[in-house]
Protein backbone atom coordinates (compact mmCIF):
# COMPACT_ATOMS: atom_id res chain seq x y z
CA UNK A 1 -40.71 10.87 39.43
CA UNK A 2 -38.24 13.55 38.35
CA UNK A 3 -35.36 14.63 40.55
CA UNK A 4 -34.80 18.35 41.13
CA UNK A 5 -31.40 20.05 41.28
CA UNK A 6 -31.90 20.48 45.04
CA UNK A 7 -32.52 16.74 45.45
CA UNK A 8 -29.52 15.90 43.25
CA UNK A 9 -27.21 18.13 45.29
CA UNK A 10 -28.45 16.58 48.53
CA UNK A 11 -27.84 13.06 47.18
CA UNK A 12 -24.37 13.95 45.88
CA UNK A 13 -23.33 15.42 49.25
CA UNK A 14 -23.36 11.89 50.70
CA UNK A 15 -21.03 10.57 47.98
CA UNK A 16 -17.21 10.53 47.99
CA UNK A 17 -15.97 13.87 46.62
CA UNK A 18 -13.46 12.23 44.24
CA UNK A 19 -15.89 9.66 42.75
CA UNK A 20 -16.47 9.79 38.98
CA UNK A 21 -20.05 10.53 37.88
CA UNK A 22 -21.33 8.10 35.25
CA UNK A 23 -24.45 8.21 33.10
CA UNK A 24 -26.23 4.93 32.41
CA UNK A 25 -27.55 4.40 28.90
CA UNK A 26 -28.47 1.67 26.45
CA UNK A 27 -24.83 1.23 25.41
CA UNK A 28 -23.48 1.06 28.97
CA UNK A 29 -21.95 3.77 31.13
CA UNK A 30 -20.45 7.11 30.03
CA UNK A 31 -18.63 9.64 32.22
CA UNK A 32 -20.42 12.94 32.83
CA UNK A 33 -18.91 15.62 30.59
CA UNK A 34 -21.07 18.71 30.96
CA UNK A 35 -24.31 20.25 32.18
CA UNK A 36 -26.69 22.29 30.06
CA UNK A 37 -29.37 24.60 31.44
CA UNK A 38 -32.59 24.77 29.43
CA UNK A 39 -34.78 27.71 30.42
CA UNK A 40 -38.45 27.07 29.79
CA UNK A 41 -41.26 29.57 29.66
CA UNK A 42 -45.00 29.42 29.93
CA UNK A 43 -44.99 28.22 33.52
CA UNK A 44 -42.86 25.15 32.78
CA UNK A 45 -39.89 24.50 35.11
CA UNK A 46 -36.36 25.00 33.83
CA UNK A 47 -34.40 21.83 33.08
CA UNK A 48 -30.78 20.74 33.52
CA UNK A 49 -29.45 18.22 30.99
CA UNK A 50 -26.53 15.97 31.98
CA UNK A 51 -24.35 15.36 28.92
CA UNK A 52 -21.88 12.50 28.52
CA UNK A 53 -18.17 13.07 27.90
CA UNK A 54 -17.77 12.51 24.15
CA UNK A 55 -13.95 12.36 24.25
CA UNK A 56 -12.80 9.32 22.22
CA UNK A 57 -11.41 6.45 24.29
């Protein structure tokens, strides 16, 4: 089941404010670098894409 922005905000409110947000992927964990809003039409809901931080280590 997909999580909505409202559900994400509610879940994050219970987390420590200074915690780093990580994205889990096939290659391990990456820090969150940005958000991208994708507006859809035709009755489809808009989407928010979480993008990893691509800064070299």
